[in-house]
Amino acid sequence: MKAEIIIVISRKERFINGAKLILKQIKQDGFECQIIFIEDYFVIYNGKRDKRKKKIFYFLTNVEDVKKCAKNALQEGHVVVNKKYLFKKRSKFYLQMSIKQSGVNVPKSVCYKNNSKDFHGMNFPFYIKSQQQASTVLRVVNKKLLKEILCKNQEKKQY
């Protein structure tokens, strides 16, 4: 009995067409396959261990819950094809700094620390990008607006 392959995508991203192409190829190769939304993952799989059939998960998403879902799948005894990538440090800021070290020109970037109140030397306007995929980009025009945004989102650790 072949394992079932599960392609996990998010409603927040536009990967459905890519997922459908992968699904088509997998089915042509004779495997069972389905696409699910990560937003439904815990409704479908949490604690539902089917020992008769191992599942192979491929997470085609970068949303916030991806690590939690991949970890759950592994704990339930399933395979996560792209687990090495999913568990790496891969924030937008970290990736951008890695690219910069390779000699590629990237926009000037600053990583805000929650305990920092010093915005000295920042030139307005500038943009704040969330570290979460498929999330927010905000234009900041002055120091007052910056403080409001950071204070409001400090609990979420969004920026």
N, C-alpha and C. Protein backbone atom coordinates (compact mmCIF):
# COMPACT_ATOMS: atom_id res chain seq x y z
N MET A 1 0.84 -1.19 0.00
CA MET A 1 0.00 0.00 0.00
C MET A 1 0.89 1.25 0.00
N LYS A 2 0.69 2.13 -0.95
CA LYS A 2 1.48 3.36 -1.05
C LYS A 2 0.97 4.40 -0.05
N ALA A 3 1.91 5.23 0.39
CA ALA A 3 1.54 6.31 1.30
C ALA A 3 0.74 7.37 0.56
N GLU A 4 -0.10 8.06 1.29
CA GLU A 4 -0.86 9.17 0.71
C GLU A 4 -0.04 10.45 0.84
N ILE A 5 -0.04 11.24 -0.20
CA ILE A 5 0.70 12.49 -0.21
C ILE A 5 -0.28 13.64 0.00
N ILE A 6 0.06 14.51 0.94
CA ILE A 6 -0.78 15.65 1.28
C ILE A 6 0.00 16.92 0.95
N ILE A 7 -0.55 17.74 0.06
CA ILE A 7 0.04 19.04 -0.25
C ILE A 7 -0.70 20.07 0.59
N VAL A 8 0.04 20.81 1.40
CA VAL A 8 -0.56 21.78 2.30
C VAL A 8 -0.28 23.19 1.78
N ILE A 9 -1.36 23.94 1.54
CA ILE A 9 -1.25 25.33 1.09
C ILE A 9 -2.05 26.22 2.03
N SER A 10 -1.99 27.53 1.82
CA SER A 10 -2.74 28.46 2.64
C SER A 10 -3.71 29.26 1.78
N ARG A 11 -4.83 29.60 2.38
CA ARG A 11 -5.79 30.47 1.69
C ARG A 11 -5.22 31.88 1.50
N LYS A 12 -4.20 32.23 2.30
CA LYS A 12 -3.61 33.56 2.24
C LYS A 12 -2.64 33.72 1.07
N GLU A 13 -2.26 32.64 0.44
CA GLU A 13 -1.27 32.68 -0.64
C GLU A 13 -1.88 32.15 -1.93
N ARG A 14 -1.23 32.45 -3.02
CA ARG A 14 -1.77 32.07 -4.33
C ARG A 14 -1.00 30.89 -4.93
N PHE A 15 -0.97 29.79 -4.21
CA PHE A 15 -0.22 28.63 -4.68
C PHE A 15 -1.13 27.50 -5.18
N ILE A 16 -2.41 27.74 -5.29
CA ILE A 16 -3.35 26.68 -5.65
C ILE A 16 -3.04 26.10 -7.04
N ASN A 17 -2.70 26.95 -8.00
CA ASN A 17 -2.41 26.43 -9.34
C ASN A 17 -1.17 25.55 -9.33
N GLY A 18 -0.14 25.97 -8.63
CA GLY A 18 1.07 25.16 -8.51
C GLY A 18 0.78 23.84 -7.81
N ALA A 19 -0.03 23.90 -6.75
CA ALA A 19 -0.40 22.69 -6.02
C ALA A 19 -1.18 21.73 -6.91
N LYS A 20 -2.06 22.26 -7.75
CA LYS A 20 -2.84 21.41 -8.66
C LYS A 20 -1.94 20.72 -9.69
N LEU A 21 -0.91 21.41 -10.16
CA LEU A 21 0.03 20.79 -11.10
C LEU A 21 0.80 19.65 -10.43
N ILE A 22 1.22 19.88 -9.19
CA ILE A 22 1.92 18.83 -8.44
C ILE A 22 0.99 17.65 -8.21
N LEU A 23 -0.24 17.92 -7.80
CA LEU A 23 -1.24 16.88 -7.56
C LEU A 23 -1.46 16.04 -8.81
N LYS A 24 -1.60 16.67 -9.94
CA LYS A 24 -1.83 15.97 -11.20
C LYS A 24 -0.68 15.00 -11.51
N GLN A 25 0.55 15.47 -11.33
CA GLN A 25 1.71 14.63 -11.61
C GLN A 25 1.79 13.46 -10.64
N ILE A 26 1.54 13.72 -9.38
CA ILE A 26 1.59 12.65 -8.37
C ILE A 26 0.55 11.57 -8.68
N LYS A 27 -0.66 11.99 -9.04
CA LYS A 27 -1.71 11.03 -9.37
C LYS A 27 -1.37 10.24 -10.63
N GLN A 28 -0.74 10.90 -11.62
CA GLN A 28 -0.31 10.19 -12.83
C GLN A 28 0.74 9.13 -12.50
N ASP A 29 1.51 9.38 -11.45
CA ASP A 29 2.53 8.42 -11.02
C ASP A 29 1.95 7.31 -10.14
N GLY A 30 0.64 7.34 -9.93
CA GLY A 30 -0.04 6.26 -9.23
C GLY A 30 -0.16 6.40 -7.72
N PHE A 31 0.05 7.58 -7.21
CA PHE A 31 -0.07 7.80 -5.77
C PHE A 31 -1.38 8.49 -5.44
N GLU A 32 -1.86 8.24 -4.23
CA GLU A 32 -3.00 9.00 -3.72
C GLU A 32 -2.48 10.35 -3.28
N CYS A 33 -3.23 11.39 -3.57
CA CYS A 33 -2.79 12.73 -3.22
C CYS A 33 -3.99 13.63 -3.03
N GLN A 34 -3.84 14.58 -2.12
CA GLN A 34 -4.88 15.59 -1.93
C GLN A 34 -4.23 16.91 -1.51
N ILE A 35 -4.96 17.98 -1.72
CA ILE A 35 -4.54 19.31 -1.30
C ILE A 35 -5.43 19.71 -0.13
N ILE A 36 -4.79 20.22 0.93
CA ILE A 36 -5.56 20.76 2.06
C ILE A 36 -5.04 22.16 2.37
N PHE A 37 -5.87 22.92 3.05
CA PHE A 37 -5.46 24.25 3.50
C PHE A 37 -4.91 24.13 4.91
N ILE A 38 -3.80 24.81 5.16
CA ILE A 38 -3.17 24.77 6.47
C ILE A 38 -4.12 25.26 7.56
N GLU A 39 -5.01 26.16 7.20
CA GLU A 39 -5.98 26.68 8.16
C GLU A 39 -6.92 25.57 8.66
N ASP A 40 -7.04 24.47 7.91
CA ASP A 40 -7.88 23.34 8.31
C ASP A 40 -7.08 22.16 8.87
N TYR A 41 -5.76 22.29 8.92
CA TYR A 41 -4.89 21.17 9.28
C TYR A 41 -5.30 20.52 10.60
N PHE A 42 -5.41 21.32 11.66
CA PHE A 42 -5.68 20.73 12.98
C PHE A 42 -7.10 20.18 13.09
N VAL A 43 -8.01 20.70 12.31
CA VAL A 43 -9.37 20.16 12.29
C VAL A 43 -9.33 18.74 11.69
N ILE A 44 -8.52 18.58 10.65
CA ILE A 44 -8.46 17.29 9.94
C ILE A 44 -7.56 16.28 10.63
N TYR A 45 -6.36 16.70 11.07
CA TYR A 45 -5.34 15.73 11.48
C TYR A 45 -4.98 15.70 12.95
N ASN A 46 -5.31 16.70 13.73
CA ASN A 46 -4.84 16.73 15.11
C ASN A 46 -5.31 15.52 15.91
N GLY A 47 -4.35 14.71 16.32
CA GLY A 47 -4.65 13.55 17.15
C GLY A 47 -5.30 12.40 16.43
N LYS A 48 -5.45 12.48 15.13
CA LYS A 48 -6.09 11.41 14.37
C LYS A 48 -5.00 10.58 13.68
N ARG A 49 -4.45 9.66 14.41
CA ARG A 49 -3.37 8.84 13.90
C ARG A 49 -3.94 7.62 13.20
N ASP A 50 -3.68 7.53 11.94
CA ASP A 50 -4.11 6.38 11.15
C ASP A 50 -2.88 5.50 10.93
N LYS A 51 -2.71 4.48 11.76
CA LYS A 51 -1.51 3.65 11.71
C LYS A 51 -1.46 2.77 10.47
N ARG A 52 -2.58 2.63 9.78
CA ARG A 52 -2.59 1.79 8.59
C ARG A 52 -1.93 2.48 7.41
N LYS A 53 -1.95 3.78 7.41
CA LYS A 53 -1.45 4.50 6.25
C LYS A 53 -0.61 5.70 6.66
N LYS A 54 0.67 5.64 6.32
CA LYS A 54 1.55 6.78 6.58
C LYS A 54 1.25 7.86 5.56
N LYS A 55 1.32 9.09 6.01
CA LYS A 55 1.09 10.22 5.13
C LYS A 55 2.41 10.95 4.89
N ILE A 56 2.54 11.48 3.69
CA ILE A 56 3.71 12.27 3.33
C ILE A 56 3.21 13.69 3.07
N PHE A 57 3.68 14.62 3.90
CA PHE A 57 3.25 16.01 3.81
C PHE A 57 4.28 16.84 3.05
N TYR A 58 3.78 17.69 2.17
CA TYR A 58 4.61 18.69 1.51
C TYR A 58 3.95 20.03 1.77
N PHE A 59 4.62 20.88 2.54
CA PHE A 59 4.07 22.19 2.89
C PHE A 59 4.49 23.21 1.84
N LEU A 60 3.53 23.63 1.03
CA LEU A 60 3.74 24.61 -0.03
C LEU A 60 3.20 25.95 0.46
N THR A 61 3.68 26.37 1.62
CA THR A 61 3.23 27.60 2.26
C THR A 61 4.29 28.08 3.23
N ASN A 62 4.23 29.37 3.52
CA ASN A 62 5.16 29.98 4.47
C ASN A 62 4.43 30.70 5.59
N VAL A 63 3.17 30.42 5.80
CA VAL A 63 2.41 31.14 6.83
C VAL A 63 2.90 30.77 8.21
N GLU A 64 2.46 31.53 9.18
CA GLU A 64 2.95 31.43 10.55
C GLU A 64 2.82 30.02 11.15
N ASP A 65 1.73 29.32 10.92
CA ASP A 65 1.49 28.02 11.57
C ASP A 65 2.22 26.84 10.93
N VAL A 66 3.02 27.08 9.91
CA VAL A 66 3.61 25.97 9.17
C VAL A 66 4.51 25.11 10.06
N LYS A 67 5.32 25.71 10.92
CA LYS A 67 6.21 24.91 11.79
C LYS A 67 5.40 24.07 12.78
N LYS A 68 4.35 24.66 13.32
CA LYS A 68 3.51 23.94 14.28
C LYS A 68 2.84 22.73 13.62
N CYS A 69 2.34 22.91 12.42
CA CYS A 69 1.68 21.81 11.71
C CYS A 69 2.68 20.74 11.29
N ALA A 70 3.84 21.16 10.80
CA ALA A 70 4.87 20.19 10.40
C ALA A 70 5.35 19.39 11.60
N LYS A 71 5.54 20.06 12.71
CA LYS A 71 5.96 19.37 13.95
C LYS A 71 4.91 18.35 14.37
N ASN A 72 3.64 18.72 14.30
CA ASN A 72 2.56 17.80 14.64
C ASN A 72 2.56 16.58 13.72
N ALA A 73 2.73 16.80 12.43
CA ALA A 73 2.75 15.69 11.48
C ALA A 73 3.89 14.72 11.81
N LEU A 74 5.05 15.26 12.14
CA LEU A 74 6.19 14.40 12.50
C LEU A 74 5.92 13.63 13.78
N GLN A 75 5.33 14.30 14.78
CA GLN A 75 5.01 13.64 16.04
C GLN A 75 3.98 12.53 15.86
N GLU A 76 3.13 12.67 14.86
CA GLU A 76 2.11 11.65 14.59
C GLU A 76 2.68 10.50 13.74
N GLY A 77 3.97 10.57 13.43
CA GLY A 77 4.61 9.49 12.70
C GLY A 77 4.59 9.61 11.18
N HIS A 78 4.22 10.77 10.69
CA HIS A 78 4.17 11.00 9.25
C HIS A 78 5.51 11.55 8.76
N VAL A 79 5.64 11.68 7.47
CA VAL A 79 6.85 12.21 6.85
C VAL A 79 6.55 13.64 6.38
N VAL A 80 7.50 14.53 6.58
CA VAL A 80 7.41 15.90 6.06
C VAL A 80 8.58 16.06 5.10
N VAL A 81 8.27 16.11 3.82
CA VAL A 81 9.29 16.13 2.77
C VAL A 81 10.24 17.30 2.94
N ASN A 82 9.73 18.47 3.19
CA ASN A 82 10.56 19.68 3.25
C ASN A 82 10.83 20.15 4.68
N LYS A 83 10.97 19.20 5.62
CA LYS A 83 11.18 19.57 7.03
C LYS A 83 12.49 20.31 7.25
N LYS A 84 13.53 19.97 6.51
CA LYS A 84 14.81 20.65 6.70
C LYS A 84 14.67 22.14 6.46
N TYR A 85 13.98 22.51 5.40
CA TYR A 85 13.74 23.92 5.10
C TYR A 85 12.81 24.56 6.14
N LEU A 86 11.75 23.88 6.50
CA LEU A 86 10.74 24.47 7.37
C LEU A 86 11.28 24.84 8.74
N PHE A 87 12.26 24.10 9.24
CA PHE A 87 12.75 24.35 10.59
C PHE A 87 14.02 25.20 10.62
N LYS A 88 14.44 25.71 9.48
CA LYS A 88 15.58 26.63 9.45
C LYS A 88 15.13 28.01 9.88
N LYS A 89 16.11 28.80 10.33
CA LYS A 89 15.84 30.21 10.62
C LYS A 89 15.64 30.89 9.28
N ARG A 90 14.46 31.44 9.02
CA ARG A 90 14.18 31.97 7.70
C ARG A 90 13.28 33.21 7.71
N SER A 91 13.48 34.06 8.70
CA SER A 91 12.72 35.30 8.70
C SER A 91 13.15 36.12 7.49
N LYS A 92 12.29 37.03 7.09
CA LYS A 92 12.62 37.88 5.95
C LYS A 92 13.91 38.65 6.20
N PHE A 93 14.07 39.17 7.42
CA PHE A 93 15.27 39.94 7.76
C PHE A 93 16.51 39.05 7.68
N TYR A 94 16.46 37.87 8.26
CA TYR A 94 17.59 36.95 8.24
C TYR A 94 17.98 36.58 6.80
N LEU A 95 16.99 36.26 5.99
CA LEU A 95 17.28 35.90 4.60
C LEU A 95 17.87 37.08 3.83
N GLN A 96 17.35 38.27 4.07
CA GLN A 96 17.87 39.43 3.37
C GLN A 96 19.32 39.69 3.78
N MET A 97 19.66 39.52 5.05
CA MET A 97 21.04 39.72 5.49
C MET A 97 21.96 38.65 4.90
N SER A 98 21.46 37.44 4.77
CA SER A 98 22.24 36.36 4.14
C SER A 98 22.53 36.67 2.69
N ILE A 99 21.54 37.18 1.99
CA ILE A 99 21.72 37.55 0.58
C ILE A 99 22.72 38.69 0.47
N LYS A 100 22.62 39.66 1.38
CA LYS A 100 23.54 40.80 1.36
C LYS A 100 24.99 40.35 1.54
N GLN A 101 25.21 39.37 2.42
CA GLN A 101 26.57 38.86 2.65
C GLN A 101 27.12 38.16 1.42
N SER A 102 26.25 37.75 0.52
CA SER A 102 26.68 37.11 -0.73
C SER A 102 27.01 38.14 -1.80
N GLY A 103 26.88 39.43 -1.47
CA GLY A 103 27.24 40.48 -2.42
C GLY A 103 26.09 41.03 -3.23
N VAL A 104 24.87 40.63 -2.93
CA VAL A 104 23.71 41.13 -3.65
C VAL A 104 23.23 42.41 -2.98
N ASN A 105 22.93 43.43 -3.78
CA ASN A 105 22.41 44.68 -3.23
C ASN A 105 20.99 44.47 -2.73
N VAL A 106 20.75 44.86 -1.48
CA VAL A 106 19.42 44.77 -0.88
C VAL A 106 19.10 46.11 -0.22
N PRO A 107 17.81 46.40 -0.01
CA PRO A 107 17.47 47.65 0.68
C PRO A 107 18.07 47.69 2.08
N LYS A 108 18.36 48.90 2.56
CA LYS A 108 18.84 49.06 3.93
C LYS A 108 17.78 48.49 4.87
N SER A 109 18.22 47.68 5.82
CA SER A 109 17.29 47.01 6.73
C SER A 109 17.72 47.18 8.17
N VAL A 110 16.73 47.29 9.03
CA VAL A 110 16.96 47.40 10.46
C VAL A 110 16.04 46.40 11.13
N CYS A 111 16.56 45.68 12.10
CA CYS A 111 15.72 44.74 12.85
C CYS A 111 15.35 45.40 14.16
N TYR A 112 14.08 45.63 14.38
CA TYR A 112 13.58 46.27 15.59
C TYR A 112 13.55 45.26 16.72
N LYS A 113 14.12 45.62 17.84
CA LYS A 113 14.06 44.78 19.05
C LYS A 113 12.96 45.35 19.94
N ASN A 114 12.11 44.49 20.49
CA ASN A 114 10.96 44.95 21.26
C ASN A 114 11.32 45.87 22.42
N ASN A 115 12.52 45.70 23.00
CA ASN A 115 12.88 46.53 24.14
C ASN A 115 13.56 47.83 23.72
N SER A 116 13.75 48.06 22.44
CA SER A 116 14.43 49.26 21.95
C SER A 116 13.43 50.41 21.79
N LYS A 117 13.79 51.56 22.30
CA LYS A 117 12.96 52.75 22.12
C LYS A 117 13.69 53.79 21.26
N ASP A 118 14.88 53.45 20.78
CA ASP A 118 15.72 54.39 20.05
C ASP A 118 15.51 54.26 18.55
N PHE A 119 14.99 55.33 17.95
CA PHE A 119 14.80 55.36 16.51
C PHE A 119 15.71 56.41 15.88
N HIS A 120 16.78 56.72 16.58
CA HIS A 120 17.73 57.75 16.13
C HIS A 120 18.33 57.36 14.78
N GLY A 121 18.39 58.34 13.88
CA GLY A 121 19.03 58.12 12.60
C GLY A 121 18.14 57.53 11.52
N MET A 122 16.88 57.33 11.82
CA MET A 122 15.98 56.78 10.81
C MET A 122 15.43 57.92 9.96
N ASN A 123 15.47 57.73 8.66
CA ASN A 123 14.97 58.75 7.74
C ASN A 123 13.57 58.37 7.27
N PHE A 124 12.65 59.30 7.42
CA PHE A 124 11.28 59.07 7.01
C PHE A 124 11.07 59.64 5.62
N PRO A 125 10.13 59.12 4.85
CA PRO A 125 9.33 57.92 5.11
C PRO A 125 10.13 56.63 4.81
N PHE A 126 9.67 55.54 5.41
CA PHE A 126 10.21 54.22 5.13
C PHE A 126 9.10 53.20 5.30
N TYR A 127 9.40 51.94 5.00
CA TYR A 127 8.40 50.88 5.05
C TYR A 127 8.74 49.86 6.11
N ILE A 128 7.71 49.35 6.76
CA ILE A 128 7.84 48.25 7.71
C ILE A 128 7.17 47.04 7.07
N LYS A 129 7.90 45.93 7.07
CA LYS A 129 7.34 44.69 6.53
C LYS A 129 7.25 43.67 7.66
N SER A 130 6.14 43.02 7.74
CA SER A 130 5.97 41.96 8.72
C SER A 130 6.95 40.83 8.43
N GLN A 131 7.36 40.12 9.45
CA GLN A 131 8.22 38.96 9.28
C GLN A 131 7.42 37.73 8.88
N GLN A 132 6.12 37.85 8.86
CA GLN A 132 5.25 36.74 8.46
C GLN A 132 4.95 36.84 6.98
N GLN A 133 4.88 35.70 6.35
CA GLN A 133 4.54 35.64 4.92
C GLN A 133 3.09 36.06 4.72
N ALA A 134 2.81 36.65 3.59
CA ALA A 134 1.44 37.03 3.21
C ALA A 134 0.81 37.92 4.27
N SER A 135 1.57 38.91 4.73
CA SER A 135 1.07 39.76 5.79
C SER A 135 1.17 41.23 5.39
N THR A 136 1.53 42.07 6.33
CA THR A 136 1.41 43.52 6.19
C THR A 136 2.68 44.22 5.74
N VAL A 137 2.50 45.27 4.96
CA VAL A 137 3.56 46.24 4.63
C VAL A 137 2.96 47.62 4.92
N LEU A 138 3.65 48.41 5.74
CA LEU A 138 3.14 49.72 6.13
C LEU A 138 4.14 50.82 5.78
N ARG A 139 3.64 51.95 5.32
CA ARG A 139 4.48 53.13 5.07
C ARG A 139 4.45 53.98 6.33
N VAL A 140 5.63 54.29 6.86
CA VAL A 140 5.75 55.07 8.08
C VAL A 140 6.29 56.44 7.71
N VAL A 141 5.55 57.48 8.08
CA VAL A 141 5.92 58.84 7.65
C VAL A 141 6.57 59.67 8.76
N ASN A 142 6.43 59.23 10.04
CA ASN A 142 7.07 59.99 11.11
C ASN A 142 7.27 59.10 12.34
N LYS A 143 8.03 59.64 13.32
CA LYS A 143 8.40 58.88 14.53
C LYS A 143 7.17 58.53 15.38
N LYS A 144 6.21 59.43 15.43
CA LYS A 144 5.00 59.18 16.23
C LYS A 144 4.24 57.96 15.68
N LEU A 145 4.06 57.92 14.37
CA LEU A 145 3.36 56.78 13.74
C LEU A 145 4.15 55.49 13.94
N LEU A 146 5.46 55.55 13.84
CA LEU A 146 6.29 54.37 14.06
C LEU A 146 6.09 53.80 15.46
N LYS A 147 6.14 54.66 16.46
CA LYS A 147 5.94 54.20 17.85
C LYS A 147 4.56 53.59 18.04
N GLU A 148 3.54 54.20 17.44
CA GLU A 148 2.17 53.66 17.54
C GLU A 148 2.09 52.25 16.94
N ILE A 149 2.67 52.10 15.77
CA ILE A 149 2.64 50.80 15.08
C ILE A 149 3.35 49.74 15.90
N LEU A 150 4.55 50.07 16.38
CA LEU A 150 5.34 49.09 17.12
C LEU A 150 4.71 48.73 18.46
N CYS A 151 4.17 49.72 19.15
CA CYS A 151 3.51 49.45 20.43
C CYS A 151 2.27 48.57 20.22
N LYS A 152 1.49 48.89 19.19
CA LYS A 152 0.26 48.15 18.92
C LYS A 152 0.56 46.69 18.55
N ASN A 153 1.66 46.45 17.86
CA ASN A 153 1.97 45.11 17.37
C ASN A 153 3.03 44.38 18.18
N GLN A 154 3.47 44.98 19.29
CA GLN A 154 4.51 44.37 20.11
C GLN A 154 4.06 43.01 20.67
N GLU A 155 2.83 42.92 21.12
CA GLU A 155 2.32 41.67 21.68
C GLU A 155 2.29 40.55 20.64
N LYS A 156 1.96 40.89 19.39
CA LYS A 156 1.89 39.90 18.32
C LYS A 156 3.27 39.51 17.81
N LYS A 157 4.30 40.31 18.12
CA LYS A 157 5.66 40.12 17.59
C LYS A 157 5.62 40.05 16.07
N GLN A 158 4.81 40.92 15.51
CA GLN A 158 4.58 40.89 14.06
C GLN A 158 5.67 41.62 13.29
N TYR A 159 6.27 42.65 13.88
CA TYR A 159 7.27 43.44 13.16
C TYR A 159 8.62 43.34 13.84
